[in-house]
Amino acid sequence: MDFNTNKAIYLQIAEHVCEHIVLGTWKEDERLPSVRDLAVQLEVNPNTVMRTYDLLQQKSIIVNKRGVGFFLTGESVSQVKAYRKTIFLEEELPLLFRNIYVLDIGLDELKERYHKFIQENFNQN
């Protein structure tokens, strides 16, 4: 995994874990890789992974079953979406709005490109 220097590594790992959850690579109620295994896989300190897992526990995305390991909750997908939605609305959307304004992109053009993007990427007909 290539890490961005502009964001804390544990947050980037959280995004990585959330991506696996949303894409269905890791299923609800499934056991996650151990702290050590994920640290080795991502080539980071186990304390960094532990910090990630602590954050995800606070967000009710994962749960620690003492002596067994970390597991996704039964609501992990909806919790991830809520968590990521908050980040998008508070951090990313204002930057997008700024660029739309500065570049003088009209709502009609934006709407047209949005529909084209959805059709090309999600309507596999």
C-alpha atoms as a PDB file:
ATOM      1  CA  MET A   1       0.000   0.000   0.000  1.00  0.00           C
ATOM      2  CA  ASP A   2       1.332   3.417  -0.932  1.00  0.00           C
ATOM      3  CA  PHE A   3       0.767   5.967   1.792  1.00  0.00           C
ATOM      4  CA  ASN A   4       0.041   9.652   1.247  1.00  0.00           C
ATOM      5  CA  THR A   5       2.187  11.991   3.334  1.00  0.00           C
ATOM      6  CA  ASN A   6      -0.707  14.447   3.762  1.00  0.00           C
ATOM      7  CA  LYS A   7      -2.813  12.158   5.973  1.00  0.00           C
ATOM      8  CA  ALA A   8      -2.103  10.064   9.055  1.00  0.00           C
ATOM      9  CA  ILE A   9      -1.227   6.460   8.179  1.00  0.00           C
ATOM     10  CA  TYR A  10      -3.787   4.980  10.581  1.00  0.00           C
ATOM     11  CA  LEU A  11      -6.542   6.946   8.799  1.00  0.00           C
ATOM     12  CA  GLN A  12      -5.335   5.682   5.433  1.00  0.00           C
ATOM     13  CA  ILE A  13      -5.407   2.127   6.770  1.00  0.00           C
ATOM     14  CA  ALA A  14      -8.943   2.763   8.044  1.00  0.00           C
ATOM     15  CA  GLU A  15      -9.918   3.820   4.506  1.00  0.00           C
ATOM     16  CA  HIS A  16      -8.278   0.641   3.185  1.00  0.00           C
ATOM     17  CA  VAL A  17     -10.261  -1.537   5.620  1.00  0.00           C
ATOM     18  CA  CYS A  18     -13.484   0.356   4.855  1.00  0.00           C
ATOM     19  CA  GLU A  19     -12.924  -0.136   1.129  1.00  0.00           C
ATOM     20  CA  HIS A  20     -12.684  -3.916   1.659  1.00  0.00           C
ATOM     21  CA  ILE A  21     -15.913  -3.824   3.653  1.00  0.00           C
ATOM     22  CA  VAL A  22     -17.895  -1.750   1.145  1.00  0.00           C
ATOM     23  CA  LEU A  23     -16.655  -3.795  -1.823  1.00  0.00           C
ATOM     24  CA  GLY A  24     -17.592  -7.019  -0.022  1.00  0.00           C
ATOM     25  CA  THR A  25     -14.065  -8.429   0.145  1.00  0.00           C
ATOM     26  CA  TRP A  26     -14.580  -8.721   3.896  1.00  0.00           C
ATOM     27  CA  LYS A  27     -18.104  -9.736   4.932  1.00  0.00           C
ATOM     28  CA  GLU A  28     -20.170  -8.685   7.943  1.00  0.00           C
ATOM     29  CA  ASP A  29     -19.513 -10.816  11.045  1.00  0.00           C
ATOM     30  CA  GLU A  30     -16.255 -12.066   9.452  1.00  0.00           C
ATOM     31  CA  ARG A  31     -12.921 -12.082  11.293  1.00  0.00           C
ATOM     32  CA  LEU A  32     -10.434  -9.413  10.239  1.00  0.00           C
ATOM     33  CA  PRO A  33      -6.712 -10.030   9.796  1.00  0.00           C
ATOM     34  CA  SER A  34      -4.921  -9.888  13.127  1.00  0.00           C
ATOM     35  CA  VAL A  35      -3.129  -6.687  14.082  1.00  0.00           C
ATOM     36  CA  ARG A  36       0.238  -8.320  13.428  1.00  0.00           C
ATOM     37  CA  ASP A  37      -0.812  -9.891  10.120  1.00  0.00           C
ATOM     38  CA  LEU A  38      -2.195  -6.638   8.756  1.00  0.00           C
ATOM     39  CA  ALA A  39       0.875  -4.741   9.981  1.00  0.00           C
ATOM     40  CA  VAL A  40       3.158  -7.179   8.143  1.00  0.00           C
ATOM     41  CA  GLN A  41       0.984  -7.062   5.025  1.00  0.00           C
ATOM     42  CA  LEU A  42       0.976  -3.243   4.951  1.00  0.00           C
ATOM     43  CA  GLU A  43       4.556  -2.904   6.214  1.00  0.00           C
ATOM     44  CA  VAL A  44       3.630  -0.693   9.170  1.00  0.00           C
ATOM     45  CA  ASN A  45       4.077  -0.817  12.924  1.00  0.00           C
ATOM     46  CA  PRO A  46       1.476  -3.005  14.712  1.00  0.00           C
ATOM     47  CA  ASN A  47       0.679  -0.007  16.960  1.00  0.00           C
ATOM     48  CA  THR A  48      -0.503   1.864  13.858  1.00  0.00           C
ATOM     49  CA  VAL A  49      -2.877  -0.961  12.938  1.00  0.00           C
ATOM     50  CA  MET A  50      -4.083  -1.100  16.541  1.00  0.00           C
ATOM     51  CA  ARG A  51      -4.834   2.623  16.370  1.00  0.00           C
ATOM     52  CA  THR A  52      -6.838   1.971  13.193  1.00  0.00           C
ATOM     53  CA  TYR A  53      -8.765  -0.860  14.811  1.00  0.00           C
ATOM     54  CA  ASP A  54      -9.474   1.349  17.854  1.00  0.00           C
ATOM     55  CA  LEU A  55     -10.923   4.036  15.568  1.00  0.00           C
ATOM     56  CA  LEU A  56     -13.070   1.498  13.724  1.00  0.00           C
ATOM     57  CA  GLN A  57     -14.331   0.129  17.052  1.00  0.00           C
ATOM     58  CA  GLN A  58     -15.348   3.650  18.099  1.00  0.00           C
ATOM     59  CA  LYS A  59     -17.315   3.933  14.852  1.00  0.00           C
ATOM     60  CA  SER A  60     -19.034   0.555  15.541  1.00  0.00           C
ATOM     61  CA  ILE A  61     -17.592  -0.887  12.343  1.00  0.00           C
ATOM     62  CA  ILE A  62     -15.635  -3.652  14.080  1.00  0.00           C
ATOM     63  CA  VAL A  63     -15.751  -5.353  17.459  1.00  0.00           C
ATOM     64  CA  ASN A  64     -13.026  -7.039  19.491  1.00  0.00           C
ATOM     65  CA  LYS A  65     -13.923 -10.528  20.686  1.00  0.00           C
ATOM     66  CA  ARG A  66     -11.403 -10.900  23.474  1.00  0.00           C
ATOM     67  CA  GLY A  67      -8.948 -13.714  22.837  1.00  0.00           C
ATOM     68  CA  VAL A  68     -10.408 -14.432  19.397  1.00  0.00           C
ATOM     69  CA  GLY A  69      -9.734 -11.310  17.329  1.00  0.00           C
ATOM     70  CA  PHE A  70     -11.440  -8.422  15.605  1.00  0.00           C
ATOM     71  CA  PHE A  71     -14.654  -8.992  13.665  1.00  0.00           C
ATOM     72  CA  LEU A  72     -16.867  -6.881  11.441  1.00  0.00           C
ATOM     73  CA  THR A  73     -20.182  -6.038  13.036  1.00  0.00           C
ATOM     74  CA  GLY A  74     -23.491  -7.060  11.524  1.00  0.00           C
ATOM     75  CA  GLU A  75     -23.987  -3.417  10.528  1.00  0.00           C
ATOM     76  CA  SER A  76     -20.455  -2.760   9.310  1.00  0.00           C
ATOM     77  CA  VAL A  77     -21.451  -1.844   5.744  1.00  0.00           C
ATOM     78  CA  SER A  78     -24.013   0.743   6.862  1.00  0.00           C
ATOM     79  CA  GLN A  79     -21.616   2.058   9.525  1.00  0.00           C
ATOM     80  CA  VAL A  80     -18.813   2.425   6.955  1.00  0.00           C
ATOM     81  CA  LYS A  81     -21.126   4.282   4.588  1.00  0.00           C
ATOM     82  CA  ALA A  82     -22.215   6.652   7.363  1.00  0.00           C
ATOM     83  CA  TYR A  83     -18.575   7.233   8.405  1.00  0.00           C
ATOM     84  CA  ARG A  84     -17.392   7.820   4.842  1.00  0.00           C
ATOM     85  CA  LYS A  85     -20.404  10.025   4.061  1.00  0.00           C
ATOM     86  CA  THR A  86     -19.524  12.286   6.984  1.00  0.00           C
ATOM     87  CA  ILE A  87     -15.906  12.563   5.800  1.00  0.00           C
ATOM     88  CA  PHE A  88     -17.035  13.293   2.237  1.00  0.00           C
ATOM     89  CA  LEU A  89     -19.565  15.951   3.226  1.00  0.00           C
ATOM     90  CA  GLU A  90     -17.271  17.705   5.706  1.00  0.00           C
ATOM     91  CA  GLU A  91     -13.870  17.440   3.981  1.00  0.00           C
ATOM     92  CA  GLU A  92     -14.101  16.545   0.300  1.00  0.00           C
ATOM     93  CA  LEU A  93     -17.303  18.217  -0.861  1.00  0.00           C
ATOM     94  CA  PRO A  94     -16.228  21.750   0.138  1.00  0.00           C
ATOM     95  CA  LEU A  95     -13.071  21.299  -1.976  1.00  0.00           C
ATOM     96  CA  LEU A  96     -15.162  20.039  -4.871  1.00  0.00           C
ATOM     97  CA  PHE A  97     -17.536  22.996  -4.565  1.00  0.00           C
ATOM     98  CA  ARG A  98     -14.584  25.378  -4.502  1.00  0.00           C
ATOM     99  CA  ASN A  99     -13.170  23.878  -7.711  1.00  0.00           C
ATOM    100  CA  ILE A 100     -16.566  23.980  -9.397  1.00  0.00           C
ATOM    101  CA  TYR A 101     -16.867  27.663  -8.518  1.00  0.00           C
ATOM    102  CA  VAL A 102     -13.281  28.628  -9.428  1.00  0.00           C
ATOM    103  CA  LEU A 103     -13.398  26.746 -12.734  1.00  0.00           C
ATOM    104  CA  ASP A 104     -16.845  28.138 -13.550  1.00  0.00           C
ATOM    105  CA  ILE A 105     -18.424  24.735 -14.152  1.00  0.00           C
ATOM    106  CA  GLY A 106     -22.173  25.008 -14.588  1.00  0.00           C
ATOM    107  CA  LEU A 107     -24.652  22.714 -12.900  1.00  0.00           C
ATOM    108  CA  ASP A 108     -25.936  21.470 -16.272  1.00  0.00           C
ATOM    109  CA  GLU A 109     -22.436  20.349 -17.300  1.00  0.00           C
ATOM    110  CA  LEU A 110     -21.871  18.780 -13.907  1.00  0.00           C
ATOM    111  CA  LYS A 111     -25.185  16.918 -14.064  1.00  0.00           C
ATOM    112  CA  GLU A 112     -24.465  15.675 -17.588  1.00  0.00           C
ATOM    113  CA  ARG A 113     -21.012  14.397 -16.614  1.00  0.00           C
ATOM    114  CA  TYR A 114     -22.396  12.781 -13.462  1.00  0.00           C
ATOM    115  CA  HIS A 115     -25.015  10.834 -15.410  1.00  0.00           C
ATOM    116  CA  LYS A 116     -22.424   9.793 -18.002  1.00  0.00           C
ATOM    117  CA  PHE A 117     -20.080   8.606 -15.250  1.00  0.00           C
ATOM    118  CA  ILE A 118     -22.831   6.567 -13.579  1.00  0.00           C
ATOM    119  CA  GLN A 119     -23.859   5.023 -16.889  1.00  0.00           C
ATOM    120  CA  GLU A 120     -20.293   4.090 -17.853  1.00  0.00           C
ATOM    121  CA  ASN A 121     -19.250   2.760 -14.460  1.00  0.00           C
ATOM    122  CA  PHE A 122     -22.354   1.275 -12.848  1.00  0.00           C
ATOM    123  CA  ASN A 123     -24.815   0.397 -15.619  1.00  0.00           C
ATOM    124  CA  GLN A 124     -23.069  -2.639 -17.047  1.00  0.00           C
ATOM    125  CA  ASN A 125     -25.745  -3.188 -19.741  1.00  0.00           C
END
